[in-house]
PDB file of N, CA and C in Angstrom:
ATOM      1  N   MET A   1     -22.143 -14.240   2.056  1.00  0.00           N
ATOM      2  CA  MET A   1     -21.198 -13.234   2.487  1.00  0.00           C
ATOM      3  C   MET A   1     -21.455 -11.955   1.680  1.00  0.00           C
ATOM      4  N   LYS A   2     -21.328 -10.833   2.349  1.00  0.00           N
ATOM      5  CA  LYS A   2     -21.500  -9.543   1.688  1.00  0.00           C
ATOM      6  C   LYS A   2     -20.137  -9.005   1.249  1.00  0.00           C
ATOM      7  N   ILE A   3     -20.172  -8.004   0.376  1.00  0.00           N
ATOM      8  CA  ILE A   3     -18.945  -7.485  -0.227  1.00  0.00           C
ATOM      9  C   ILE A   3     -17.962  -6.952   0.816  1.00  0.00           C
ATOM     10  N   LYS A   4     -18.434  -6.259   1.818  1.00  0.00           N
ATOM     11  CA  LYS A   4     -17.532  -5.691   2.827  1.00  0.00           C
ATOM     12  C   LYS A   4     -16.794  -6.800   3.569  1.00  0.00           C
ATOM     13  N   GLU A   5     -17.529  -7.852   3.934  1.00  0.00           N
ATOM     14  CA  GLU A   5     -16.903  -8.986   4.618  1.00  0.00           C
ATOM     15  C   GLU A   5     -15.855  -9.650   3.731  1.00  0.00           C
ATOM     16  N   ALA A   6     -16.173  -9.788   2.451  1.00  0.00           N
ATOM     17  CA  ALA A   6     -15.250 -10.422   1.510  1.00  0.00           C
ATOM     18  C   ALA A   6     -13.983  -9.584   1.340  1.00  0.00           C
ATOM     19  N   ILE A   7     -14.138  -8.277   1.249  1.00  0.00           N
ATOM     20  CA  ILE A   7     -12.983  -7.389   1.099  1.00  0.00           C
ATOM     21  C   ILE A   7     -12.081  -7.484   2.323  1.00  0.00           C
ATOM     22  N   VAL A   8     -12.667  -7.425   3.495  1.00  0.00           N
ATOM     23  CA  VAL A   8     -11.888  -7.517   4.734  1.00  0.00           C
ATOM     24  C   VAL A   8     -11.163  -8.858   4.805  1.00  0.00           C
ATOM     25  N   LEU A   9     -11.863  -9.928   4.525  1.00  0.00           N
ATOM     26  CA  LEU A   9     -11.246 -11.256   4.561  1.00  0.00           C
ATOM     27  C   LEU A   9     -10.105 -11.360   3.549  1.00  0.00           C
ATOM     28  N   ARG A  10     -10.299 -10.778   2.384  1.00  0.00           N
ATOM     29  CA  ARG A  10      -9.254 -10.800   1.351  1.00  0.00           C
ATOM     30  C   ARG A  10      -8.014 -10.048   1.836  1.00  0.00           C
ATOM     31  N   PHE A  11      -8.190  -8.864   2.430  1.00  0.00           N
ATOM     32  CA  PHE A  11      -7.042  -8.127   2.958  1.00  0.00           C
ATOM     33  C   PHE A  11      -6.381  -8.879   4.107  1.00  0.00           C
ATOM     34  N   GLN A  12      -7.174  -9.472   4.985  1.00  0.00           N
ATOM     35  CA  GLN A  12      -6.603 -10.243   6.094  1.00  0.00           C
ATOM     36  C   GLN A  12      -5.754 -11.395   5.562  1.00  0.00           C
ATOM     37  N   THR A  13      -6.265 -12.088   4.566  1.00  0.00           N
ATOM     38  CA  THR A  13      -5.546 -13.217   3.971  1.00  0.00           C
ATOM     39  C   THR A  13      -4.254 -12.760   3.308  1.00  0.00           C
ATOM     40  N   LEU A  14      -4.329 -11.684   2.540  1.00  0.00           N
ATOM     41  CA  LEU A  14      -3.134 -11.174   1.862  1.00  0.00           C
ATOM     42  C   LEU A  14      -2.077 -10.720   2.861  1.00  0.00           C
ATOM     43  N   CYS A  15      -2.503 -10.079   3.928  1.00  0.00           N
ATOM     44  CA  CYS A  15      -1.552  -9.656   4.959  1.00  0.00           C
ATOM     45  C   CYS A  15      -0.888 -10.866   5.610  1.00  0.00           C
ATOM     46  N   LYS A  16      -1.688 -11.864   5.913  1.00  0.00           N
ATOM     47  CA  LYS A  16      -1.151 -13.080   6.536  1.00  0.00           C
ATOM     48  C   LYS A  16      -0.177 -13.792   5.596  1.00  0.00           C
ATOM     49  N   GLU A  17      -0.567 -13.923   4.321  1.00  0.00           N
ATOM     50  CA  GLU A  17       0.293 -14.598   3.341  1.00  0.00           C
ATOM     51  C   GLU A  17       1.622 -13.881   3.146  1.00  0.00           C
ATOM     52  N   ASN A  18       1.595 -12.558   3.239  1.00  0.00           N
ATOM     53  CA  ASN A  18       2.799 -11.760   3.016  1.00  0.00           C
ATOM     54  C   ASN A  18       3.487 -11.343   4.315  1.00  0.00           C
ATOM     55  N   ASP A  19       2.989 -11.859   5.445  1.00  0.00           N
ATOM     56  CA  ASP A  19       3.540 -11.560   6.764  1.00  0.00           C
ATOM     57  C   ASP A  19       3.650 -10.046   6.988  1.00  0.00           C
ATOM     58  N   ILE A  20       2.533  -9.357   6.714  1.00  0.00           N
ATOM     59  CA  ILE A  20       2.469  -7.904   6.863  1.00  0.00           C
ATOM     60  C   ILE A  20       1.451  -7.571   7.948  1.00  0.00           C
ATOM     61  N   LYS A  21       1.861  -6.793   8.906  1.00  0.00           N
ATOM     62  CA  LYS A  21       0.954  -6.320   9.954  1.00  0.00           C
ATOM     63  C   LYS A  21       0.150  -5.141   9.406  1.00  0.00           C
ATOM     64  N   TYR A  22      -0.993  -4.866  10.012  1.00  0.00           N
ATOM     65  CA  TYR A  22      -1.861  -3.790   9.533  1.00  0.00           C
ATOM     66  C   TYR A  22      -1.168  -2.425   9.571  1.00  0.00           C
ATOM     67  N   ASN A  23      -0.344  -2.180  10.597  1.00  0.00           N
ATOM     68  CA  ASN A  23       0.396  -0.914  10.662  1.00  0.00           C
ATOM     69  C   ASN A  23       1.341  -0.773   9.475  1.00  0.00           C
ATOM     70  N   GLU A  24       2.008  -1.851   9.126  1.00  0.00           N
ATOM     71  CA  GLU A  24       2.924  -1.831   7.988  1.00  0.00           C
ATOM     72  C   GLU A  24       2.165  -1.613   6.689  1.00  0.00           C
ATOM     73  N   LEU A  25       1.021  -2.264   6.541  1.00  0.00           N
ATOM     74  CA  LEU A  25       0.200  -2.064   5.349  1.00  0.00           C
ATOM     75  C   LEU A  25      -0.217  -0.600   5.236  1.00  0.00           C
ATOM     76  N   ALA A  26      -0.629  -0.021   6.346  1.00  0.00           N
ATOM     77  CA  ALA A  26      -1.029   1.388   6.345  1.00  0.00           C
ATOM     78  C   ALA A  26       0.130   2.278   5.894  1.00  0.00           C
ATOM     79  N   ASN A  27       1.313   2.042   6.433  1.00  0.00           N
ATOM     80  CA  ASN A  27       2.484   2.831   6.046  1.00  0.00           C
ATOM     81  C   ASN A  27       2.802   2.676   4.570  1.00  0.00           C
ATOM     82  N   ARG A  28       2.756   1.462   4.083  1.00  0.00           N
ATOM     83  CA  ARG A  28       3.033   1.209   2.660  1.00  0.00           C
ATOM     84  C   ARG A  28       2.001   1.888   1.769  1.00  0.00           C
ATOM     85  N   ALA A  29       0.757   1.933   2.234  1.00  0.00           N
ATOM     86  CA  ALA A  29      -0.349   2.462   1.426  1.00  0.00           C
ATOM     87  C   ALA A  29      -0.514   3.973   1.571  1.00  0.00           C
ATOM     88  N   GLY A  30       0.171   4.555   2.535  1.00  0.00           N
ATOM     89  CA  GLY A  30       0.057   5.989   2.746  1.00  0.00           C
ATOM     90  C   GLY A  30      -1.248   6.403   3.400  1.00  0.00           C
ATOM     91  N   VAL A  31      -1.782   5.509   4.232  1.00  0.00           N
ATOM     92  CA  VAL A  31      -2.988   5.820   5.006  1.00  0.00           C
ATOM     93  C   VAL A  31      -2.648   5.661   6.486  1.00  0.00           C
ATOM     94  N   THR A  32      -3.518   6.156   7.337  1.00  0.00           N
ATOM     95  CA  THR A  32      -3.262   6.015   8.764  1.00  0.00           C
ATOM     96  C   THR A  32      -3.593   4.592   9.221  1.00  0.00           C
ATOM     97  N   PRO A  33      -2.902   4.104  10.239  1.00  0.00           N
ATOM     98  CA  PRO A  33      -3.249   2.794  10.773  1.00  0.00           C
ATOM     99  C   PRO A  33      -4.715   2.705  11.199  1.00  0.00           C
ATOM    100  N   SER A  34      -5.263   3.810  11.714  1.00  0.00           N
ATOM    101  CA  SER A  34      -6.669   3.780  12.135  1.00  0.00           C
ATOM    102  C   SER A  34      -7.600   3.526  10.950  1.00  0.00           C
ATOM    103  N   THR A  35      -7.203   3.942   9.758  1.00  0.00           N
ATOM    104  CA  THR A  35      -8.002   3.661   8.561  1.00  0.00           C
ATOM    105  C   THR A  35      -8.104   2.162   8.337  1.00  0.00           C
ATOM    106  N   VAL A  36      -6.979   1.484   8.442  1.00  0.00           N
ATOM    107  CA  VAL A  36      -6.957   0.029   8.221  1.00  0.00           C
ATOM    108  C   VAL A  36      -7.716  -0.680   9.335  1.00  0.00           C
ATOM    109  N   TYR A  37      -7.452  -0.310  10.580  1.00  0.00           N
ATOM    110  CA  TYR A  37      -8.115  -0.982  11.694  1.00  0.00           C
ATOM    111  C   TYR A  37      -9.623  -0.741  11.694  1.00  0.00           C
ATOM    112  N   SER A  38     -10.047   0.465  11.363  1.00  0.00           N
ATOM    113  CA  SER A  38     -11.488   0.727  11.349  1.00  0.00           C
ATOM    114  C   SER A  38     -12.169  -0.028  10.217  1.00  0.00           C
ATOM    115  N   MET A  39     -11.466  -0.217   9.107  1.00  0.00           N
ATOM    116  CA  MET A  39     -12.014  -0.988   7.992  1.00  0.00           C
ATOM    117  C   MET A  39     -12.302  -2.434   8.424  1.00  0.00           C
ATOM    118  N   MET A  40     -11.477  -2.953   9.309  1.00  0.00           N
ATOM    119  CA  MET A  40     -11.613  -4.339   9.750  1.00  0.00           C
ATOM    120  C   MET A  40     -12.764  -4.538  10.738  1.00  0.00           C
ATOM    121  N   GLU A  41     -13.266  -3.465  11.327  1.00  0.00           N
ATOM    122  CA  GLU A  41     -14.338  -3.568  12.310  1.00  0.00           C
ATOM    123  C   GLU A  41     -15.655  -3.963  11.649  1.00  0.00           C
ATOM    124  N   GLU A  42     -16.363  -4.865  12.289  1.00  0.00           N
ATOM    125  CA  GLU A  42     -17.656  -5.319  11.771  1.00  0.00           C
ATOM    126  C   GLU A  42     -18.680  -4.206  11.681  1.00  0.00           C
ATOM    127  N   SER A  43     -18.593  -3.265  12.610  1.00  0.00           N
ATOM    128  CA  SER A  43     -19.600  -2.206  12.659  1.00  0.00           C
ATOM    129  C   SER A  43     -19.507  -1.246  11.474  1.00  0.00           C
ATOM    130  N   ARG A  44     -18.348  -1.176  10.865  1.00  0.00           N
ATOM    131  CA  ARG A  44     -18.196  -0.293   9.708  1.00  0.00           C
ATOM    132  C   ARG A  44     -18.767  -0.989   8.479  1.00  0.00           C
ATOM    133  N   LYS A  45     -19.684  -0.318   7.810  1.00  0.00           N
ATOM    134  CA  LYS A  45     -20.402  -0.944   6.705  1.00  0.00           C
ATOM    135  C   LYS A  45     -19.874  -0.541   5.329  1.00  0.00           C
ATOM    136  N   ASP A  46     -19.358   0.680   5.199  1.00  0.00           N
ATOM    137  CA  ASP A  46     -18.944   1.176   3.892  1.00  0.00           C
ATOM    138  C   ASP A  46     -17.433   1.319   3.811  1.00  0.00           C
ATOM    139  N   LEU A  47     -16.907   1.029   2.624  1.00  0.00           N
ATOM    140  CA  LEU A  47     -15.483   1.168   2.368  1.00  0.00           C
ATOM    141  C   LEU A  47     -15.283   2.040   1.137  1.00  0.00           C
ATOM    142  N   SER A  48     -14.253   2.827   1.168  1.00  0.00           N
ATOM    143  CA  SER A  48     -13.923   3.694   0.046  1.00  0.00           C
ATOM    144  C   SER A  48     -13.138   2.917  -1.007  1.00  0.00           C
ATOM    145  N   VAL A  49     -13.518   3.084  -2.249  1.00  0.00           N
ATOM    146  CA  VAL A  49     -12.782   2.445  -3.348  1.00  0.00           C
ATOM    147  C   VAL A  49     -11.360   2.990  -3.387  1.00  0.00           C
ATOM    148  N   ILE A  50     -11.195   4.252  -3.072  1.00  0.00           N
ATOM    149  CA  ILE A  50      -9.861   4.853  -3.061  1.00  0.00           C
ATOM    150  C   ILE A  50      -8.991   4.192  -1.993  1.00  0.00           C
ATOM    151  N   THR A  51      -9.560   3.934  -0.823  1.00  0.00           N
ATOM    152  CA  THR A  51      -8.804   3.256   0.234  1.00  0.00           C
ATOM    153  C   THR A  51      -8.434   1.846  -0.189  1.00  0.00           C
ATOM    154  N   ILE A  52      -9.367   1.138  -0.789  1.00  0.00           N
ATOM    155  CA  ILE A  52      -9.079  -0.220  -1.279  1.00  0.00           C
ATOM    156  C   ILE A  52      -7.935  -0.179  -2.279  1.00  0.00           C
ATOM    157  N   LYS A  53      -7.968   0.779  -3.190  1.00  0.00           N
ATOM    158  CA  LYS A  53      -6.907   0.918  -4.206  1.00  0.00           C
ATOM    159  C   LYS A  53      -5.575   1.217  -3.541  1.00  0.00           C
ATOM    160  N   LYS A  54      -5.552   2.114  -2.578  1.00  0.00           N
ATOM    161  CA  LYS A  54      -4.307   2.437  -1.882  1.00  0.00           C
ATOM    162  C   LYS A  54      -3.740   1.214  -1.165  1.00  0.00           C
ATOM    163  N   LEU A  55      -4.616   0.442  -0.527  1.00  0.00           N
ATOM    164  CA  LEU A  55      -4.152  -0.764   0.172  1.00  0.00           C
ATOM    165  C   LEU A  55      -3.617  -1.792  -0.815  1.00  0.00           C
ATOM    166  N   CYS A  56      -4.263  -1.901  -1.960  1.00  0.00           N
ATOM    167  CA  CYS A  56      -3.745  -2.791  -3.011  1.00  0.00           C
ATOM    168  C   CYS A  56      -2.357  -2.332  -3.455  1.00  0.00           C
ATOM    169  N   ASP A  57      -2.200  -1.016  -3.644  1.00  0.00           N
ATOM    170  CA  ASP A  57      -0.887  -0.465  -4.000  1.00  0.00           C
ATOM    171  C   ASP A  57       0.144  -0.820  -2.933  1.00  0.00           C
ATOM    172  N   GLY A  58      -0.253  -0.725  -1.673  1.00  0.00           N
ATOM    173  CA  GLY A  58       0.640  -1.073  -0.569  1.00  0.00           C
ATOM    174  C   GLY A  58       1.041  -2.539  -0.565  1.00  0.00           C
ATOM    175  N   LEU A  59       0.173  -3.371  -1.103  1.00  0.00           N
ATOM    176  CA  LEU A  59       0.470  -4.807  -1.216  1.00  0.00           C
ATOM    177  C   LEU A  59       1.129  -5.145  -2.553  1.00  0.00           C
ATOM    178  N   ASP A  60       1.313  -4.110  -3.375  1.00  0.00           N
ATOM    179  CA  ASP A  60       1.926  -4.261  -4.695  1.00  0.00           C
ATOM    180  C   ASP A  60       1.133  -5.199  -5.603  1.00  0.00           C
ATOM    181  N   ILE A  61      -0.210  -5.070  -5.532  1.00  0.00           N
ATOM    182  CA  ILE A  61      -1.074  -5.805  -6.451  1.00  0.00           C
ATOM    183  C   ILE A  61      -2.055  -4.812  -7.076  1.00  0.00           C
ATOM    184  N   SER A  62      -2.558  -5.164  -8.237  1.00  0.00           N
ATOM    185  CA  SER A  62      -3.547  -4.296  -8.878  1.00  0.00           C
ATOM    186  C   SER A  62      -4.914  -4.547  -8.243  1.00  0.00           C
ATOM    187  N   ILE A  63      -5.779  -3.594  -8.411  1.00  0.00           N
ATOM    188  CA  ILE A  63      -7.135  -3.754  -7.877  1.00  0.00           C
ATOM    189  C   ILE A  63      -7.859  -4.893  -8.593  1.00  0.00           C
ATOM    190  N   SER A  64      -7.532  -5.099  -9.865  1.00  0.00           N
ATOM    191  CA  SER A  64      -8.159  -6.222 -10.583  1.00  0.00           C
ATOM    192  C   SER A  64      -7.657  -7.559 -10.050  1.00  0.00           C
ATOM    193  N   GLU A  65      -6.374  -7.632  -9.667  1.00  0.00           N
ATOM    194  CA  GLU A  65      -5.858  -8.853  -9.030  1.00  0.00           C
ATOM    195  C   GLU A  65      -6.557  -9.097  -7.703  1.00  0.00           C
ATOM    196  N   PHE A  66      -6.783  -8.030  -6.967  1.00  0.00           N
ATOM    197  CA  PHE A  66      -7.443  -8.140  -5.670  1.00  0.00           C
ATOM    198  C   PHE A  66      -8.827  -8.762  -5.818  1.00  0.00           C
ATOM    199  N   PHE A  67      -9.619  -8.238  -6.758  1.00  0.00           N
ATOM    200  CA  PHE A  67     -10.992  -8.701  -6.910  1.00  0.00           C
ATOM    201  C   PHE A  67     -11.119  -9.977  -7.753  1.00  0.00           C
ATOM    202  N   ASN A  68     -10.055 -10.381  -8.403  1.00  0.00           N
ATOM    203  CA  ASN A  68     -10.078 -11.607  -9.196  1.00  0.00           C
ATOM    204  C   ASN A  68      -9.789 -12.809  -8.290  1.00  0.00           C
ATOM    205  N   HIS A  69     -10.723 -13.079  -7.405  1.00  0.00           N
ATOM    206  CA  HIS A  69     -10.555 -14.145  -6.410  1.00  0.00           C
ATOM    207  C   HIS A  69     -11.905 -14.803  -6.176  1.00  0.00           C
ATOM    208  N   ASP A  70     -11.884 -16.075  -5.898  1.00  0.00           N
ATOM    209  CA  ASP A  70     -13.121 -16.848  -5.701  1.00  0.00           C
ATOM    210  C   ASP A  70     -14.013 -16.305  -4.594  1.00  0.00           C
ATOM    211  N   ILE A  71     -13.433 -15.610  -3.630  1.00  0.00           N
ATOM    212  CA  ILE A  71     -14.230 -15.095  -2.507  1.00  0.00           C
ATOM    213  C   ILE A  71     -15.319 -14.130  -2.990  1.00  0.00           C
ATOM    214  N   PHE A  72     -15.099 -13.521  -4.156  1.00  0.00           N
ATOM    215  CA  PHE A  72     -16.058 -12.545  -4.666  1.00  0.00           C
ATOM    216  C   PHE A  72     -17.129 -13.159  -5.571  1.00  0.00           C
ATOM    217  N   ILE A  73     -17.085 -14.473  -5.736  1.00  0.00           N
ATOM    218  CA  ILE A  73     -18.109 -15.160  -6.535  1.00  0.00           C
ATOM    219  C   ILE A  73     -19.272 -15.533  -5.614  1.00  0.00           C
ATOM    220  N   GLY A  74     -20.467 -15.231  -6.050  1.00  0.00           N
ATOM    221  CA  GLY A  74     -21.661 -15.628  -5.311  1.00  0.00           C
ATOM    222  C   GLY A  74     -21.925 -14.816  -4.051  1.00  0.00           C
ATOM    223  N   LEU A  75     -21.541 -13.548  -4.043  1.00  0.00           N
ATOM    224  CA  LEU A  75     -21.822 -12.702  -2.882  1.00  0.00           C
ATOM    225  C   LEU A  75     -23.318 -12.478  -2.735  1.00  0.00           C
ATOM    226  N   GLU A  76     -23.734 -12.216  -1.497  1.00  0.00           N
ATOM    227  CA  GLU A  76     -25.141 -11.910  -1.229  1.00  0.00           C
ATOM    228  C   GLU A  76     -25.524 -10.606  -1.913  1.00  0.00           C
ATOM    229  N   GLN A  77     -26.778 -10.500  -2.241  1.00  0.00           N
ATOM    230  CA  GLN A  77     -27.275  -9.247  -2.773  1.00  0.00           C
ATOM    231  C   GLN A  77     -27.288  -8.211  -1.656  1.00  0.00           C
ATOM    232  N   GLU A  78     -26.841  -7.007  -1.949  1.00  0.00           N
ATOM    233  CA  GLU A  78     -26.765  -5.945  -0.945  1.00  0.00           C
ATOM    234  C   GLU A  78     -28.121  -5.255  -0.732  1.00  0.00           C
ATOM    235  N   ILE A  79     -28.948  -5.263  -1.747  1.00  0.00           N
ATOM    236  CA  ILE A  79     -30.248  -4.613  -1.658  1.00  0.00           C
ATOM    237  C   ILE A  79     -31.275  -5.636  -1.188  1.00  0.00           C
ATOM    238  N   LYS A  80     -31.982  -5.299  -0.137  1.00  0.00           N
ATOM    239  CA  LYS A  80     -32.991  -6.229   0.387  1.00  0.00           C
ATOM    240  C   LYS A  80     -34.311  -5.554   0.464  1.00  0.00           C
TER     241      LYS A  80
END
């Protein structure tokens, strides 16, 4: 799994666990819903660290809590 896939899966899981829809997450994070939805699209390859931080703030977790998860262990190398 690559980092972008892991980040998306982590946000999807957190939203599901907290019963938060993507529109609500966007409102809490102060970003547009299209920002959240476009991040979830497979075709989008790059994510902004600032957006990730804002979404973490919207979920009321720190960015270190977000990345301190088993999903981020053993990711594929991005450079090929």
